[in-house]
C-alpha atoms as a PDB file:
ATOM      1  CA  MET A   1      15.637  75.791  42.100  1.00  0.00           C
ATOM      2  CA  LEU A   2      15.376  74.560  46.201  1.00  0.00           C
ATOM      3  CA  LYS A   3      11.461  75.443  45.542  1.00  0.00           C
ATOM      4  CA  ASP A   4      12.316  73.290  42.699  1.00  0.00           C
ATOM      5  CA  SER A   5      13.618  70.432  44.485  1.00  0.00           C
ATOM      6  CA  LEU A   6      10.944  70.610  46.838  1.00  0.00           C
ATOM      7  CA  THR A   7       8.729  70.183  44.563  1.00  0.00           C
ATOM      8  CA  ASN A   8      10.043  67.400  42.263  1.00  0.00           C
ATOM      9  CA  PHE A   9      10.701  65.095  46.338  1.00  0.00           C
ATOM     10  CA  ASN A  10       6.671  65.895  46.991  1.00  0.00           C
ATOM     11  CA  PHE A  11       6.421  64.048  43.668  1.00  0.00           C
ATOM     12  CA  CYS A  12       8.769  61.015  44.424  1.00  0.00           C
ATOM     13  CA  PHE A  13       7.474  60.086  47.490  1.00  0.00           C
ATOM     14  CA  VAL A  14       4.285  61.808  47.091  1.00  0.00           C
ATOM     15  CA  GLY A  15       2.994  60.664  44.012  1.00  0.00           C
ATOM     16  CA  TYR A  16      -0.543  60.594  43.623  1.00  0.00           C
ATOM     17  CA  ARG A  17      -2.659  60.341  47.101  1.00  0.00           C
ATOM     18  CA  LEU A  18      -1.685  63.904  47.156  1.00  0.00           C
ATOM     19  CA  PHE A  19      -2.714  64.843  43.730  1.00  0.00           C
ATOM     20  CA  ARG A  20      -4.732  68.613  44.889  1.00  0.00           C
ATOM     21  CA  ALA A  21      -1.402  69.022  46.289  1.00  0.00           C
ATOM     22  CA  THR A  22       1.194  68.797  44.476  1.00  0.00           C
ATOM     23  CA  MET A  23      -0.623  70.586  41.653  1.00  0.00           C
ATOM     24  CA  ILE A  24      -1.324  73.361  43.608  1.00  0.00           C
ATOM     25  CA  ALA A  25       2.601  73.166  44.900  1.00  0.00           C
ATOM     26  CA  THR A  26       3.508  73.226  40.962  1.00  0.00           C
ATOM     27  CA  GLY A  27       1.273  75.948  39.972  1.00  0.00           C
ATOM     28  CA  PHE A  28       2.684  77.756  43.141  1.00  0.00           C
ATOM     29  CA  VAL A  29       6.435  77.228  42.019  1.00  0.00           C
ATOM     30  CA  PHE A  30       6.201  78.036  38.357  1.00  0.00           C
ATOM     31  CA  GLY A  31       4.107  80.705  38.294  1.00  0.00           C
ATOM     32  CA  SER A  32       5.871  82.628  41.399  1.00  0.00           C
ATOM     33  CA  GLU A  33       9.088  81.752  39.678  1.00  0.00           C
ATOM     34  CA  LEU A  34       8.163  82.542  36.378  1.00  0.00           C
ATOM     35  CA  VAL A  35       6.877  85.984  37.727  1.00  0.00           C
ATOM     36  CA  TYR A  36      10.134  87.037  40.815  1.00  0.00           C
ATOM     37  CA  PHE A  37      12.137  86.466  37.374  1.00  0.00           C
ATOM     38  CA  VAL A  38      10.318  89.024  35.519  1.00  0.00           C
ATOM     39  CA  CYS A  39      10.183  91.338  37.777  1.00  0.00           C
ATOM     40  CA  VAL A  40      13.875  91.560  38.694  1.00  0.00           C
ATOM     41  CA  GLU A  41      14.885  92.144  35.186  1.00  0.00           C
ATOM     42  CA  GLU A  42      12.473  94.461  34.791  1.00  0.00           C
ATOM     43  CA  ASN A  43      13.437  95.978  38.239  1.00  0.00           C
ATOM     44  CA  ILE A  44      10.121  98.511  38.167  1.00  0.00           C
ATOM     45  CA  PHE A  45       9.219  97.567  41.757  1.00  0.00           C
ATOM     46  CA  PRO A  46      11.000  97.471  45.325  1.00  0.00           C
ATOM     47  CA  LEU A  47      11.720  93.540  46.948  1.00  0.00           C
ATOM     48  CA  GLY A  48       8.098  93.899  48.413  1.00  0.00           C
ATOM     49  CA  GLY A  49       6.342  94.148  46.070  1.00  0.00           C
ATOM     50  CA  LYS A  50       8.461  92.077  43.966  1.00  0.00           C
ATOM     51  CA  ILE A  51       7.741  89.688  45.925  1.00  0.00           C
ATOM     52  CA  GLY A  52       3.331  90.335  46.660  1.00  0.00           C
ATOM     53  CA  LEU A  53       3.084  90.085  42.901  1.00  0.00           C
ATOM     54  CA  SER A  54       4.950  86.785  42.402  1.00  0.00           C
ATOM     55  CA  VAL A  55       3.058  85.209  45.364  1.00  0.00           C
ATOM     56  CA  GLY A  56      -0.187  86.264  44.184  1.00  0.00           C
ATOM     57  CA  ALA A  57       0.435  85.291  40.590  1.00  0.00           C
ATOM     58  CA  GLY A  58       2.312  81.457  42.098  1.00  0.00           C
ATOM     59  CA  LEU A  59      -1.487  81.798  44.012  1.00  0.00           C
ATOM     60  CA  LEU A  60      -3.342  82.232  40.924  1.00  0.00           C
ATOM     61  CA  CYS A  61      -1.195  79.896  39.285  1.00  0.00           C
ATOM     62  CA  GLY A  62      -1.803  77.125  41.418  1.00  0.00           C
ATOM     63  CA  LEU A  63      -5.114  76.971  41.313  1.00  0.00           C
ATOM     64  CA  THR A  64      -5.192  76.589  37.116  1.00  0.00           C
ATOM     65  CA  ALA A  65      -3.665  74.146  38.194  1.00  0.00           C
ATOM     66  CA  LEU A  66      -5.656  72.270  40.699  1.00  0.00           C
ATOM     67  CA  LEU A  67      -9.019  73.065  39.540  1.00  0.00           C
ATOM     68  CA  ILE A  68      -8.071  72.532  35.741  1.00  0.00           C
ATOM     69  CA  PRO A  69      -6.131  68.978  36.057  1.00  0.00           C
ATOM     70  CA  TYR A  70      -4.669  68.977  32.209  1.00  0.00           C
ATOM     71  CA  VAL A  71      -2.521  72.274  32.840  1.00  0.00           C
ATOM     72  CA  GLY A  72      -1.174  71.178  35.835  1.00  0.00           C
ATOM     73  CA  PHE A  73       0.148  68.235  34.432  1.00  0.00           C
ATOM     74  CA  PHE A  74       1.007  70.507  31.630  1.00  0.00           C
ATOM     75  CA  VAL A  75       2.992  72.866  33.572  1.00  0.00           C
ATOM     76  CA  ALA A  76       4.743  69.252  35.931  1.00  0.00           C
ATOM     77  CA  GLY A  77       5.861  68.122  32.199  1.00  0.00           C
ATOM     78  CA  PHE A  78       6.691  71.239  31.718  1.00  0.00           C
ATOM     79  CA  GLN A  79       9.286  71.803  34.762  1.00  0.00           C
ATOM     80  CA  PHE A  80      10.460  68.533  34.664  1.00  0.00           C
ATOM     81  CA  GLY A  81      11.628  69.246  31.059  1.00  0.00           C
ATOM     82  CA  LEU A  82      13.239  72.507  32.069  1.00  0.00           C
ATOM     83  CA  LEU A  83      15.252  70.958  34.999  1.00  0.00           C
ATOM     84  CA  SER A  84      16.339  67.926  32.131  1.00  0.00           C
ATOM     85  CA  ALA A  85      17.664  70.108  29.750  1.00  0.00           C
ATOM     86  CA  ILE A  86      19.734  72.267  32.905  1.00  0.00           C
ATOM     87  CA  ALA A  87      20.940  68.880  34.104  1.00  0.00           C
ATOM     88  CA  GLY A  88      21.702  67.739  30.311  1.00  0.00           C
ATOM     89  CA  LEU A  89      23.476  71.471  29.223  1.00  0.00           C
ATOM     90  CA  ILE A  90      25.454  71.009  32.858  1.00  0.00           C
ATOM     91  CA  LEU A  91      26.934  67.622  31.062  1.00  0.00           C
ATOM     92  CA  LEU A  92      27.085  69.126  27.600  1.00  0.00           C
ATOM     93  CA  GLU A  93      29.012  72.393  29.021  1.00  0.00           C
ATOM     94  CA  LEU A  94      32.494  70.022  30.025  1.00  0.00           C
ATOM     95  CA  GLY A  95      32.707  69.580  26.069  1.00  0.00           C
ATOM     96  CA  TYR A  96      31.341  72.525  24.223  1.00  0.00           C
ATOM     97  CA  HIS A  97      30.497  76.011  24.893  1.00  0.00           C
ATOM     98  CA  PRO A  98      27.689  77.760  22.956  1.00  0.00           C
ATOM     99  CA  PHE A  99      28.651  80.811  21.251  1.00  0.00           C
ATOM    100  CA  THR A 100      25.285  82.456  21.549  1.00  0.00           C
ATOM    101  CA  LYS A 101      22.931  82.198  24.505  1.00  0.00           C
ATOM    102  CA  TRP A 102      20.329  81.609  21.994  1.00  0.00           C
ATOM    103  CA  ILE A 103      20.900  77.144  21.477  1.00  0.00           C
ATOM    104  CA  PRO A 104      20.428  76.898  25.066  1.00  0.00           C
ATOM    105  CA  PHE A 105      17.311  78.977  25.726  1.00  0.00           C
ATOM    106  CA  GLY A 106      15.899  77.250  23.024  1.00  0.00           C
ATOM    107  CA  VAL A 107      17.113  73.743  24.139  1.00  0.00           C
ATOM    108  CA  ILE A 108      15.343  74.480  27.186  1.00  0.00           C
ATOM    109  CA  LEU A 109      12.418  76.116  25.883  1.00  0.00           C
ATOM    110  CA  GLY A 110      12.025  72.853  23.111  1.00  0.00           C
ATOM    111  CA  VAL A 111      12.238  70.318  26.069  1.00  0.00           C
ATOM    112  CA  GLY A 112      10.678  71.661  28.664  1.00  0.00           C
ATOM    113  CA  ILE A 113       7.543  71.413  25.739  1.00  0.00           C
ATOM    114  CA  LEU A 114       8.269  68.358  24.426  1.00  0.00           C
ATOM    115  CA  ALA A 115       8.131  67.351  28.364  1.00  0.00           C
ATOM    116  CA  ALA A 116       4.800  68.844  28.202  1.00  0.00           C
ATOM    117  CA  LEU A 117       3.110  67.833  25.669  1.00  0.00           C
ATOM    118  CA  ILE A 118       4.340  63.527  26.414  1.00  0.00           C
ATOM    119  CA  VAL A 119       3.070  63.794  30.587  1.00  0.00           C
ATOM    120  CA  SER A 120      -0.313  65.197  29.317  1.00  0.00           C
ATOM    121  CA  ILE A 121      -0.869  62.548  25.981  1.00  0.00           C
ATOM    122  CA  ILE A 122       0.069  60.399  28.844  1.00  0.00           C
ATOM    123  CA  ALA A 123      -2.177  61.834  31.240  1.00  0.00           C
ATOM    124  CA  ARG A 124      -4.433  61.859  28.861  1.00  0.00           C
ATOM    125  CA  VAL A 125      -4.363  57.814  28.131  1.00  0.00           C
ATOM    126  CA  SER A 126      -4.278  57.274  31.606  1.00  0.00           C
ATOM    127  CA  VAL A 127      -7.174  58.835  32.368  1.00  0.00           C
ATOM    128  CA  GLN A 128      -9.385  57.312  29.949  1.00  0.00           C
ATOM    129  CA  ASN A 129      -8.301  54.044  30.409  1.00  0.00           C
ATOM    130  CA  PHE A 130      -9.877  54.198  34.367  1.00  0.00           C
END
């Protein structure tokens, strides 16, 4: 979560001026978090293996996001949707507690994909206009 906050701070205040750095940071954060959480859940590798594998996958995702801009926009929108859905679920928890874990999971995934598609469409339209 701290890496997400730093990445979003970078987006907010640096923005489009450091486009390449923003895309590689977004891809790195997304890839490394995803692989690390899978490695922790499966518990196959020792701690050094988990960290090394997550850094390698993060670098690969970061380079992919850097070299293919639409992938970078999709990943950035997906992270924005995930964080927005998590914030919404935290607020929703004050009045309603879901009885199964699949409801929050579906909401988080759905909002993430919706935000990623919206950001990708906006990026495509803004690139075609220039």
